[in-house]
Amino acid sequence: MASTSNNLPGTAANLAGPYAHAWSSVNNIKLIDGVNAACSCPNSDEESDWLLATNFGFSIPDGATIVGVRVGFLGTTDYMFDGEPAEQVAYGKLYNSGLIGAERGPVSFNGGESLLGASNNLWGATLTPAIINGANFGVGLKAFIGIADTFPVNFTVDYIRMIVFYSEGGAMASSAGFPTHLWKLRN
């Protein structure tokens, strides 16, 4: 099984979206440590900018066939609707010097680890080892509530991590060096 020791991003950034609600402290997503990147949206029906995670340090061998990409992240929000936590959602899109492929999601943005993609999901993109191994390859996340409301909402993300699945000589392997599922790190 091929593996790499780095499945957290080496680089993080904000990519402006239509509402210009930027993520702050973006470098906090590079560690699983409870220290967060944050974004504030003045109205709950507006979405965040894209939170980019790139430069995962993968070393997929030349000639391998990429068969899937899965992203895990831990996100939370403070928004309540009628006294109950509102369903918050996030969408992800792969990035390679620009957003590529199809959005994946929605997934809940609820304080537990959320997953986008799968071991057999290429996100509508054509991926090669050269792309995956590149410093500009990664994922962008955006968050929103989607309820027409004038209340502000704050989003946080602790970490983003990625597993790339590929076949090499007919055998499927994970580039992350651990089982092909992501373990929930928090209750």
N, C-alpha and C. Protein backbone atom coordinates (compact mmCIF):
# COMPACT_ATOMS: atom_id res chain seq x y z
N MET A 1 0.84 -1.18 0.00
CA MET A 1 0.00 0.00 0.00
C MET A 1 0.88 1.24 0.00
N ALA A 2 0.67 2.13 -0.92
CA ALA A 2 1.40 3.40 -0.97
C ALA A 2 0.84 4.34 0.08
N SER A 3 1.69 5.15 0.66
CA SER A 3 1.21 6.09 1.67
C SER A 3 2.08 7.34 1.72
N THR A 4 1.53 8.37 2.29
CA THR A 4 2.27 9.57 2.59
C THR A 4 1.88 9.99 3.99
N SER A 5 2.80 10.62 4.71
CA SER A 5 2.53 10.98 6.09
C SER A 5 1.75 12.28 6.23
N ASN A 6 1.53 13.01 5.12
CA ASN A 6 0.90 14.32 5.22
C ASN A 6 -0.46 14.33 4.55
N ASN A 7 -1.50 14.24 5.34
CA ASN A 7 -2.84 14.32 4.78
C ASN A 7 -3.58 15.57 5.25
N LEU A 8 -2.90 16.44 6.00
CA LEU A 8 -3.40 17.77 6.32
C LEU A 8 -2.75 18.75 5.36
N PRO A 9 -3.37 19.89 5.09
CA PRO A 9 -2.80 20.81 4.09
C PRO A 9 -1.55 21.52 4.60
N GLY A 10 -0.67 21.85 3.68
CA GLY A 10 0.50 22.66 4.00
C GLY A 10 0.23 24.14 3.78
N THR A 11 -0.83 24.43 3.02
CA THR A 11 -1.16 25.81 2.67
C THR A 11 -2.67 26.01 2.84
N ALA A 12 -3.04 27.18 3.35
CA ALA A 12 -4.45 27.53 3.51
C ALA A 12 -4.64 28.97 3.04
N ALA A 13 -5.83 29.26 2.50
CA ALA A 13 -6.11 30.61 1.99
C ALA A 13 -7.61 30.83 1.93
N ASN A 14 -8.00 32.08 1.73
CA ASN A 14 -9.38 32.47 1.48
C ASN A 14 -9.51 32.79 -0.01
N LEU A 15 -10.55 32.28 -0.66
CA LEU A 15 -10.85 32.61 -2.05
C LEU A 15 -12.19 33.33 -2.06
N ALA A 16 -12.20 34.59 -2.47
CA ALA A 16 -13.40 35.41 -2.39
C ALA A 16 -14.56 34.79 -3.15
N GLY A 17 -15.73 34.87 -2.53
CA GLY A 17 -16.97 34.42 -3.13
C GLY A 17 -17.88 35.60 -3.42
N PRO A 18 -19.13 35.35 -3.81
CA PRO A 18 -20.02 36.43 -4.23
C PRO A 18 -20.41 37.40 -3.11
N TYR A 19 -20.39 36.95 -1.85
CA TYR A 19 -20.81 37.82 -0.75
C TYR A 19 -19.63 38.48 -0.03
N ALA A 20 -18.42 38.10 -0.35
CA ALA A 20 -17.21 38.68 0.26
C ALA A 20 -17.20 38.52 1.77
N HIS A 21 -17.51 37.31 2.25
CA HIS A 21 -17.42 37.00 3.68
C HIS A 21 -16.19 36.11 3.88
N ALA A 22 -15.08 36.77 4.16
CA ALA A 22 -13.78 36.11 4.19
C ALA A 22 -13.59 35.27 5.45
N TRP A 23 -12.79 34.23 5.29
CA TRP A 23 -12.33 33.41 6.41
C TRP A 23 -11.11 34.09 7.02
N SER A 24 -11.05 34.14 8.33
CA SER A 24 -9.88 34.66 9.03
C SER A 24 -9.12 33.51 9.69
N SER A 25 -7.88 33.73 10.02
CA SER A 25 -7.03 32.73 10.68
C SER A 25 -7.02 31.41 9.92
N VAL A 26 -6.92 31.50 8.58
CA VAL A 26 -7.03 30.32 7.73
C VAL A 26 -5.96 29.27 8.03
N ASN A 27 -4.80 29.67 8.48
CA ASN A 27 -3.74 28.68 8.76
C ASN A 27 -4.08 27.74 9.90
N ASN A 28 -5.12 28.05 10.65
CA ASN A 28 -5.52 27.16 11.75
C ASN A 28 -6.09 25.83 11.26
N ILE A 29 -6.45 25.71 9.99
CA ILE A 29 -7.00 24.44 9.48
C ILE A 29 -5.92 23.41 9.19
N LYS A 30 -4.66 23.79 9.36
CA LYS A 30 -3.56 22.88 9.02
C LYS A 30 -3.21 21.91 10.14
N LEU A 31 -3.86 22.04 11.29
CA LEU A 31 -3.63 21.14 12.43
C LEU A 31 -4.96 20.73 13.04
N ILE A 32 -5.00 19.55 13.62
CA ILE A 32 -6.17 19.10 14.37
C ILE A 32 -5.88 19.45 15.83
N ASP A 33 -6.33 20.67 16.22
CA ASP A 33 -5.95 21.15 17.55
C ASP A 33 -7.01 21.98 18.25
N GLY A 34 -8.20 22.11 17.65
CA GLY A 34 -9.25 22.89 18.27
C GLY A 34 -9.11 24.39 18.10
N VAL A 35 -8.10 24.84 17.37
CA VAL A 35 -7.92 26.26 17.06
C VAL A 35 -8.44 26.45 15.63
N ASN A 36 -9.38 27.37 15.45
CA ASN A 36 -10.19 27.41 14.24
C ASN A 36 -9.92 28.58 13.31
N ALA A 37 -10.20 28.34 12.03
CA ALA A 37 -10.44 29.42 11.07
C ALA A 37 -11.88 29.86 11.31
N ALA A 38 -12.21 31.12 11.00
CA ALA A 38 -13.55 31.62 11.28
C ALA A 38 -14.05 32.51 10.15
N CYS A 39 -15.37 32.52 10.00
CA CYS A 39 -16.03 33.39 9.01
C CYS A 39 -17.35 33.88 9.61
N SER A 40 -17.62 35.16 9.47
CA SER A 40 -18.87 35.75 9.94
C SER A 40 -19.67 36.24 8.75
N CYS A 41 -20.93 35.82 8.66
CA CYS A 41 -21.84 36.28 7.63
C CYS A 41 -22.92 37.13 8.31
N PRO A 42 -23.16 38.35 7.84
CA PRO A 42 -24.14 39.22 8.52
C PRO A 42 -25.58 38.76 8.39
N ASN A 43 -25.89 37.97 7.37
CA ASN A 43 -27.23 37.43 7.17
C ASN A 43 -27.14 35.93 6.93
N SER A 44 -28.06 35.19 7.52
CA SER A 44 -27.97 33.73 7.47
C SER A 44 -28.21 33.14 6.08
N ASP A 45 -28.74 33.92 5.15
CA ASP A 45 -28.95 33.37 3.80
C ASP A 45 -27.79 33.67 2.86
N GLU A 46 -26.68 34.17 3.39
CA GLU A 46 -25.49 34.42 2.59
C GLU A 46 -24.43 33.38 2.90
N GLU A 47 -23.64 33.04 1.91
CA GLU A 47 -22.62 32.00 2.09
C GLU A 47 -21.25 32.60 2.35
N SER A 48 -20.39 31.79 2.90
CA SER A 48 -19.01 32.19 3.15
C SER A 48 -18.22 32.21 1.84
N ASP A 49 -17.04 32.81 1.88
CA ASP A 49 -16.06 32.63 0.81
C ASP A 49 -15.61 31.17 0.82
N TRP A 50 -14.78 30.79 -0.14
CA TRP A 50 -14.19 29.45 -0.16
C TRP A 50 -12.99 29.43 0.80
N LEU A 51 -12.95 28.45 1.67
CA LEU A 51 -11.80 28.20 2.54
C LEU A 51 -10.95 27.15 1.83
N LEU A 52 -9.77 27.55 1.35
CA LEU A 52 -8.93 26.66 0.54
C LEU A 52 -7.89 25.94 1.38
N ALA A 53 -7.75 24.66 1.11
CA ALA A 53 -6.70 23.82 1.71
C ALA A 53 -5.95 23.17 0.55
N THR A 54 -4.66 23.44 0.41
CA THR A 54 -3.86 22.89 -0.68
C THR A 54 -2.53 22.38 -0.14
N ASN A 55 -1.74 21.82 -1.06
CA ASN A 55 -0.38 21.39 -0.74
C ASN A 55 -0.39 20.29 0.33
N PHE A 56 -1.07 19.19 0.02
CA PHE A 56 -1.20 18.08 0.97
C PHE A 56 0.03 17.18 1.01
N GLY A 57 0.99 17.39 0.14
CA GLY A 57 2.24 16.62 0.19
C GLY A 57 2.10 15.18 -0.26
N PHE A 58 1.13 14.88 -1.12
CA PHE A 58 0.96 13.51 -1.58
C PHE A 58 2.09 13.10 -2.52
N SER A 59 2.35 11.80 -2.57
CA SER A 59 3.37 11.22 -3.44
C SER A 59 2.79 10.02 -4.17
N ILE A 60 1.76 10.25 -4.94
CA ILE A 60 1.15 9.18 -5.72
C ILE A 60 2.12 8.82 -6.85
N PRO A 61 2.43 7.53 -7.04
CA PRO A 61 3.39 7.15 -8.07
C PRO A 61 2.89 7.45 -9.49
N ASP A 62 3.82 7.84 -10.36
CA ASP A 62 3.49 8.02 -11.77
C ASP A 62 2.91 6.72 -12.29
N GLY A 63 1.93 6.80 -13.15
CA GLY A 63 1.31 5.62 -13.72
C GLY A 63 0.14 5.09 -12.92
N ALA A 64 -0.05 5.57 -11.69
CA ALA A 64 -1.20 5.15 -10.89
C ALA A 64 -2.47 5.78 -11.47
N THR A 65 -3.59 5.14 -11.21
CA THR A 65 -4.88 5.66 -11.63
C THR A 65 -5.64 6.17 -10.42
N ILE A 66 -5.98 7.44 -10.42
CA ILE A 66 -6.74 8.01 -9.31
C ILE A 66 -8.18 7.54 -9.44
N VAL A 67 -8.75 7.00 -8.34
CA VAL A 67 -10.11 6.48 -8.38
C VAL A 67 -11.06 7.20 -7.44
N GLY A 68 -10.55 8.00 -6.50
CA GLY A 68 -11.45 8.71 -5.60
C GLY A 68 -10.72 9.67 -4.68
N VAL A 69 -11.47 10.65 -4.19
CA VAL A 69 -10.95 11.63 -3.24
C VAL A 69 -12.01 11.83 -2.17
N ARG A 70 -11.57 11.76 -0.91
CA ARG A 70 -12.48 12.02 0.20
C ARG A 70 -11.85 13.07 1.11
N VAL A 71 -12.67 14.03 1.52
CA VAL A 71 -12.24 15.12 2.37
C VAL A 71 -13.01 15.05 3.69
N GLY A 72 -12.30 15.21 4.79
CA GLY A 72 -12.92 15.29 6.11
C GLY A 72 -12.62 16.65 6.72
N PHE A 73 -13.60 17.22 7.42
CA PHE A 73 -13.38 18.49 8.10
C PHE A 73 -14.25 18.57 9.33
N LEU A 74 -13.83 19.40 10.27
CA LEU A 74 -14.60 19.63 11.48
C LEU A 74 -15.05 21.08 11.48
N GLY A 75 -16.36 21.30 11.34
CA GLY A 75 -16.90 22.65 11.28
C GLY A 75 -18.03 22.83 12.28
N THR A 76 -18.20 24.06 12.76
CA THR A 76 -19.28 24.39 13.68
C THR A 76 -19.85 25.76 13.34
N THR A 77 -21.01 26.05 13.91
CA THR A 77 -21.62 27.37 13.78
C THR A 77 -22.40 27.68 15.05
N ASP A 78 -22.73 28.94 15.24
CA ASP A 78 -23.47 29.37 16.42
C ASP A 78 -24.94 29.66 16.11
N TYR A 79 -25.41 29.38 14.91
CA TYR A 79 -26.76 29.77 14.50
C TYR A 79 -27.81 28.86 15.09
N MET A 80 -28.86 29.47 15.64
CA MET A 80 -30.00 28.73 16.18
C MET A 80 -31.27 29.21 15.46
N PHE A 81 -32.20 28.30 15.22
CA PHE A 81 -33.48 28.63 14.59
C PHE A 81 -34.59 28.10 15.48
N ASP A 82 -35.46 28.96 15.96
CA ASP A 82 -36.53 28.58 16.90
C ASP A 82 -35.99 27.83 18.10
N GLY A 83 -34.84 28.27 18.61
CA GLY A 83 -34.25 27.68 19.80
C GLY A 83 -33.51 26.37 19.58
N GLU A 84 -33.45 25.91 18.35
CA GLU A 84 -32.77 24.65 18.03
C GLU A 84 -31.64 24.94 17.06
N PRO A 85 -30.58 24.11 17.09
CA PRO A 85 -29.52 24.30 16.09
C PRO A 85 -30.08 24.13 14.69
N ALA A 86 -29.80 25.09 13.83
CA ALA A 86 -30.26 25.02 12.45
C ALA A 86 -29.38 24.05 11.66
N GLU A 87 -29.93 23.49 10.61
CA GLU A 87 -29.14 22.62 9.74
C GLU A 87 -28.19 23.50 8.94
N GLN A 88 -26.93 23.38 9.23
CA GLN A 88 -25.91 24.13 8.51
C GLN A 88 -25.33 23.22 7.45
N VAL A 89 -24.96 23.78 6.34
CA VAL A 89 -24.44 22.94 5.28
C VAL A 89 -23.12 23.49 4.74
N ALA A 90 -22.36 22.59 4.18
CA ALA A 90 -21.10 22.95 3.54
C ALA A 90 -21.04 22.23 2.20
N TYR A 91 -20.41 22.88 1.27
CA TYR A 91 -20.12 22.29 -0.03
C TYR A 91 -18.63 22.33 -0.25
N GLY A 92 -18.12 21.36 -0.95
CA GLY A 92 -16.71 21.34 -1.29
C GLY A 92 -16.51 21.25 -2.79
N LYS A 93 -15.38 21.76 -3.24
CA LYS A 93 -15.02 21.66 -4.65
C LYS A 93 -13.51 21.52 -4.71
N LEU A 94 -13.02 20.63 -5.57
CA LEU A 94 -11.59 20.45 -5.71
C LEU A 94 -10.97 21.71 -6.30
N TYR A 95 -9.68 21.86 -6.06
CA TYR A 95 -8.96 23.06 -6.46
C TYR A 95 -7.63 22.64 -7.06
N ASN A 96 -7.28 23.24 -8.20
CA ASN A 96 -5.97 23.05 -8.82
C ASN A 96 -5.63 24.34 -9.55
N SER A 97 -5.14 25.33 -8.82
CA SER A 97 -4.91 26.68 -9.33
C SER A 97 -6.21 27.32 -9.81
N GLY A 98 -7.32 26.85 -9.33
CA GLY A 98 -8.67 27.30 -9.64
C GLY A 98 -9.63 26.18 -9.28
N LEU A 99 -10.88 26.50 -9.00
CA LEU A 99 -11.87 25.48 -8.66
C LEU A 99 -12.12 24.59 -9.87
N ILE A 100 -12.17 23.27 -9.66
CA ILE A 100 -12.35 22.30 -10.74
C ILE A 100 -13.42 21.29 -10.37
N GLY A 101 -13.97 20.65 -11.38
CA GLY A 101 -14.92 19.57 -11.15
C GLY A 101 -16.25 20.08 -10.63
N ALA A 102 -16.99 19.18 -10.00
CA ALA A 102 -18.34 19.46 -9.50
C ALA A 102 -18.31 19.61 -7.98
N GLU A 103 -19.20 20.45 -7.47
CA GLU A 103 -19.34 20.59 -6.02
C GLU A 103 -19.81 19.28 -5.42
N ARG A 104 -19.36 18.99 -4.22
CA ARG A 104 -19.83 17.85 -3.46
C ARG A 104 -20.49 18.39 -2.21
N GLY A 105 -21.58 17.75 -1.83
CA GLY A 105 -22.34 18.18 -0.67
C GLY A 105 -23.81 18.22 -1.08
N PRO A 106 -24.68 18.70 -0.25
CA PRO A 106 -24.35 19.32 1.03
C PRO A 106 -24.08 18.29 2.10
N VAL A 107 -23.29 18.70 3.06
CA VAL A 107 -23.09 17.91 4.27
C VAL A 107 -23.33 18.82 5.46
N SER A 108 -23.64 18.21 6.58
CA SER A 108 -23.91 18.96 7.79
C SER A 108 -22.65 19.61 8.33
N PHE A 109 -22.82 20.77 8.86
CA PHE A 109 -21.73 21.57 9.44
C PHE A 109 -22.03 21.66 10.93
N ASN A 110 -21.97 20.49 11.63
CA ASN A 110 -22.60 20.41 12.93
C ASN A 110 -21.69 20.12 14.11
N GLY A 111 -20.40 20.24 13.99
CA GLY A 111 -19.51 19.99 15.11
C GLY A 111 -18.91 18.60 15.15
N GLY A 112 -19.37 17.69 14.32
CA GLY A 112 -18.74 16.38 14.15
C GLY A 112 -18.01 16.37 12.82
N GLU A 113 -17.12 15.41 12.62
CA GLU A 113 -16.40 15.39 11.35
C GLU A 113 -17.37 15.10 10.20
N SER A 114 -17.32 15.94 9.19
CA SER A 114 -18.14 15.80 8.00
C SER A 114 -17.27 15.29 6.86
N LEU A 115 -17.85 14.50 5.98
CA LEU A 115 -17.12 13.91 4.86
C LEU A 115 -17.73 14.33 3.53
N LEU A 116 -16.88 14.62 2.58
CA LEU A 116 -17.26 14.91 1.20
C LEU A 116 -16.49 13.97 0.29
N GLY A 117 -17.15 13.44 -0.75
CA GLY A 117 -16.48 12.53 -1.66
C GLY A 117 -16.45 11.12 -1.11
N ALA A 118 -15.73 10.25 -1.83
CA ALA A 118 -15.66 8.84 -1.45
C ALA A 118 -14.49 8.18 -2.16
N SER A 119 -14.26 6.93 -1.81
CA SER A 119 -13.14 6.18 -2.39
C SER A 119 -13.31 5.95 -3.89
N ASN A 120 -14.52 6.14 -4.40
CA ASN A 120 -14.77 5.96 -5.84
C ASN A 120 -15.36 7.21 -6.47
N ASN A 121 -15.08 8.38 -5.91
CA ASN A 121 -15.68 9.63 -6.38
C ASN A 121 -14.59 10.60 -6.81
N LEU A 122 -14.56 10.93 -8.08
CA LEU A 122 -13.54 11.84 -8.63
C LEU A 122 -14.03 13.29 -8.68
N TRP A 123 -15.19 13.59 -8.12
CA TRP A 123 -15.71 14.95 -8.03
C TRP A 123 -15.92 15.57 -9.42
N GLY A 124 -16.13 14.76 -10.43
CA GLY A 124 -16.34 15.28 -11.78
C GLY A 124 -15.09 15.87 -12.41
N ALA A 125 -13.93 15.52 -11.89
CA ALA A 125 -12.67 16.08 -12.40
C ALA A 125 -11.81 14.96 -12.98
N THR A 126 -10.94 15.30 -13.90
CA THR A 126 -9.94 14.38 -14.41
C THR A 126 -8.68 14.58 -13.58
N LEU A 127 -8.31 13.57 -12.80
CA LEU A 127 -7.19 13.69 -11.85
C LEU A 127 -6.08 12.72 -12.22
N THR A 128 -4.86 13.19 -12.14
CA THR A 128 -3.67 12.38 -12.41
C THR A 128 -2.74 12.48 -11.21
N PRO A 129 -1.76 11.58 -11.10
CA PRO A 129 -0.78 11.72 -10.02
C PRO A 129 -0.09 13.08 -10.02
N ALA A 130 0.22 13.61 -11.21
CA ALA A 130 0.89 14.92 -11.27
C ALA A 130 0.02 16.01 -10.66
N ILE A 131 -1.28 15.98 -10.89
CA ILE A 131 -2.18 16.97 -10.30
C ILE A 131 -2.26 16.79 -8.79
N ILE A 132 -2.52 15.56 -8.35
CA ILE A 132 -2.66 15.27 -6.92
C ILE A 132 -1.40 15.63 -6.14
N ASN A 133 -0.24 15.34 -6.71
CA ASN A 133 1.04 15.59 -6.03
C ASN A 133 1.43 17.06 -6.03
N GLY A 134 0.79 17.87 -6.85
CA GLY A 134 1.16 19.28 -6.97
C GLY A 134 0.78 20.10 -5.74
N ALA A 135 1.57 21.12 -5.49
CA ALA A 135 1.34 22.00 -4.34
C ALA A 135 0.05 22.79 -4.46
N ASN A 136 -0.47 22.96 -5.68
CA ASN A 136 -1.70 23.74 -5.88
C ASN A 136 -2.96 22.90 -5.81
N PHE A 137 -2.84 21.58 -5.62
CA PHE A 137 -4.02 20.73 -5.54
C PHE A 137 -4.59 20.72 -4.13
N GLY A 138 -5.90 20.76 -4.05
CA GLY A 138 -6.56 20.69 -2.75
C GLY A 138 -8.06 20.78 -2.88
N VAL A 139 -8.67 21.42 -1.90
CA VAL A 139 -10.11 21.51 -1.83
C VAL A 139 -10.51 22.87 -1.26
N GLY A 140 -11.66 23.36 -1.71
CA GLY A 140 -12.26 24.55 -1.14
C GLY A 140 -13.57 24.18 -0.48
N LEU A 141 -13.85 24.78 0.69
CA LEU A 141 -15.13 24.59 1.38
C LEU A 141 -15.84 25.93 1.49
N LYS A 142 -17.16 25.90 1.35
CA LYS A 142 -17.96 27.08 1.65
C LYS A 142 -19.11 26.65 2.54
N ALA A 143 -19.54 27.55 3.42
CA ALA A 143 -20.58 27.22 4.39
C ALA A 143 -21.71 28.24 4.30
N PHE A 144 -22.93 27.77 4.61
CA PHE A 144 -24.07 28.67 4.70
C PHE A 144 -25.22 27.97 5.41
N ILE A 145 -26.18 28.77 5.86
CA ILE A 145 -27.37 28.24 6.52
C ILE A 145 -28.50 28.09 5.51
N GLY A 146 -28.71 29.08 4.66
CA GLY A 146 -29.73 28.99 3.63
C GLY A 146 -31.13 29.32 4.10
N ILE A 147 -31.25 29.94 5.27
CA ILE A 147 -32.55 30.37 5.78
C ILE A 147 -32.63 31.88 5.60
N ALA A 148 -33.69 32.37 4.97
CA ALA A 148 -33.83 33.81 4.77
C ALA A 148 -34.07 34.47 6.12
N ASP A 149 -33.03 35.04 6.67
CA ASP A 149 -33.08 35.61 8.00
C ASP A 149 -32.05 36.74 8.06
N THR A 150 -32.26 37.70 8.90
CA THR A 150 -31.33 38.82 9.01
C THR A 150 -30.38 38.67 10.18
N PHE A 151 -30.36 37.51 10.81
CA PHE A 151 -29.46 37.29 11.93
C PHE A 151 -28.08 36.88 11.42
N PRO A 152 -27.04 37.38 12.07
CA PRO A 152 -25.68 36.98 11.66
C PRO A 152 -25.39 35.54 12.04
N VAL A 153 -24.45 34.95 11.35
CA VAL A 153 -24.03 33.58 11.66
C VAL A 153 -22.51 33.51 11.58
N ASN A 154 -21.93 32.78 12.50
CA ASN A 154 -20.48 32.58 12.54
C ASN A 154 -20.16 31.11 12.30
N PHE A 155 -19.22 30.86 11.41
CA PHE A 155 -18.76 29.51 11.11
C PHE A 155 -17.33 29.36 11.56
N THR A 156 -16.95 28.16 12.01
CA THR A 156 -15.56 27.86 12.32
C THR A 156 -15.19 26.51 11.71
N VAL A 157 -13.92 26.36 11.36
CA VAL A 157 -13.38 25.08 10.88
C VAL A 157 -12.07 24.83 11.60
N ASP A 158 -11.98 23.68 12.26
CA ASP A 158 -10.76 23.29 12.96
C ASP A 158 -9.71 22.77 11.99
N TYR A 159 -10.12 21.84 11.11
CA TYR A 159 -9.16 21.22 10.19
C TYR A 159 -9.86 20.77 8.93
N ILE A 160 -9.06 20.58 7.89
CA ILE A 160 -9.48 19.92 6.66
C ILE A 160 -8.42 18.88 6.35
N ARG A 161 -8.84 17.67 6.04
CA ARG A 161 -7.88 16.65 5.63
C ARG A 161 -8.43 15.87 4.44
N MET A 162 -7.50 15.23 3.73
CA MET A 162 -7.87 14.58 2.48
C MET A 162 -7.22 13.21 2.36
N ILE A 163 -7.97 12.28 1.79
CA ILE A 163 -7.47 10.96 1.40
C ILE A 163 -7.69 10.82 -0.10
N VAL A 164 -6.66 10.37 -0.82
CA VAL A 164 -6.76 10.12 -2.25
C VAL A 164 -6.62 8.61 -2.45
N PHE A 165 -7.54 8.04 -3.19
CA PHE A 165 -7.54 6.60 -3.47
C PHE A 165 -7.06 6.39 -4.90
N TYR A 166 -6.23 5.38 -5.09
CA TYR A 166 -5.70 5.11 -6.42
C TYR A 166 -5.39 3.64 -6.59
N SER A 167 -5.33 3.22 -7.84
CA SER A 167 -4.95 1.83 -8.12
C SER A 167 -3.57 1.84 -8.75
N GLU A 168 -2.81 0.86 -8.37
CA GLU A 168 -1.44 0.70 -8.86
C GLU A 168 -1.24 -0.78 -9.11
N GLY A 169 -1.18 -1.16 -10.37
CA GLY A 169 -1.05 -2.59 -10.67
C GLY A 169 -2.26 -3.39 -10.28
N GLY A 170 -3.46 -2.76 -10.30
CA GLY A 170 -4.69 -3.48 -10.02
C GLY A 170 -5.10 -3.47 -8.56
N ALA A 171 -4.24 -3.07 -7.62
CA ALA A 171 -4.61 -3.05 -6.21
C ALA A 171 -4.97 -1.63 -5.80
N MET A 172 -6.01 -1.50 -4.97
CA MET A 172 -6.40 -0.19 -4.50
C MET A 172 -5.60 0.16 -3.26
N ALA A 173 -5.16 1.40 -3.17
CA ALA A 173 -4.37 1.85 -2.03
C ALA A 173 -4.86 3.20 -1.58
N SER A 174 -4.52 3.57 -0.37
CA SER A 174 -4.85 4.88 0.18
C SER A 174 -3.57 5.66 0.37
N SER A 175 -3.54 6.90 -0.07
CA SER A 175 -2.33 7.70 0.06
C SER A 175 -2.12 8.20 1.48
N ALA A 176 -3.07 8.02 2.35
CA ALA A 176 -2.97 8.58 3.70
C ALA A 176 -2.29 7.63 4.67
N GLY A 177 -2.11 6.38 4.33
CA GLY A 177 -1.40 5.46 5.20
C GLY A 177 -2.21 5.00 6.40
N PHE A 178 -3.54 5.19 6.38
CA PHE A 178 -4.39 4.67 7.44
C PHE A 178 -5.63 4.13 6.78
N PRO A 179 -6.49 3.44 7.50
CA PRO A 179 -7.66 2.81 6.87
C PRO A 179 -8.43 3.79 5.99
N THR A 180 -9.18 3.23 5.04
CA THR A 180 -9.83 4.06 4.03
C THR A 180 -11.06 4.78 4.55
N HIS A 181 -11.21 4.87 5.85
CA HIS A 181 -12.26 5.72 6.40
C HIS A 181 -11.61 6.71 7.35
N LEU A 182 -12.30 7.80 7.60
CA LEU A 182 -11.80 8.82 8.53
C LEU A 182 -12.46 8.59 9.88
N TRP A 183 -11.69 8.57 10.90
CA TRP A 183 -12.21 8.36 12.25
C TRP A 183 -12.76 9.65 12.79
N LYS A 184 -13.90 9.57 13.45
CA LYS A 184 -14.45 10.74 14.12
C LYS A 184 -13.57 11.01 15.34
N LEU A 185 -13.04 12.23 15.41
CA LEU A 185 -12.09 12.56 16.46
C LEU A 185 -12.73 13.13 17.71
N ARG A 186 -13.96 13.58 17.58
CA ARG A 186 -14.65 14.18 18.73
C ARG A 186 -16.03 13.63 18.84
N ASN A 187 -16.56 13.64 20.05
CA ASN A 187 -17.95 13.20 20.25
C ASN A 187 -18.91 14.27 19.84
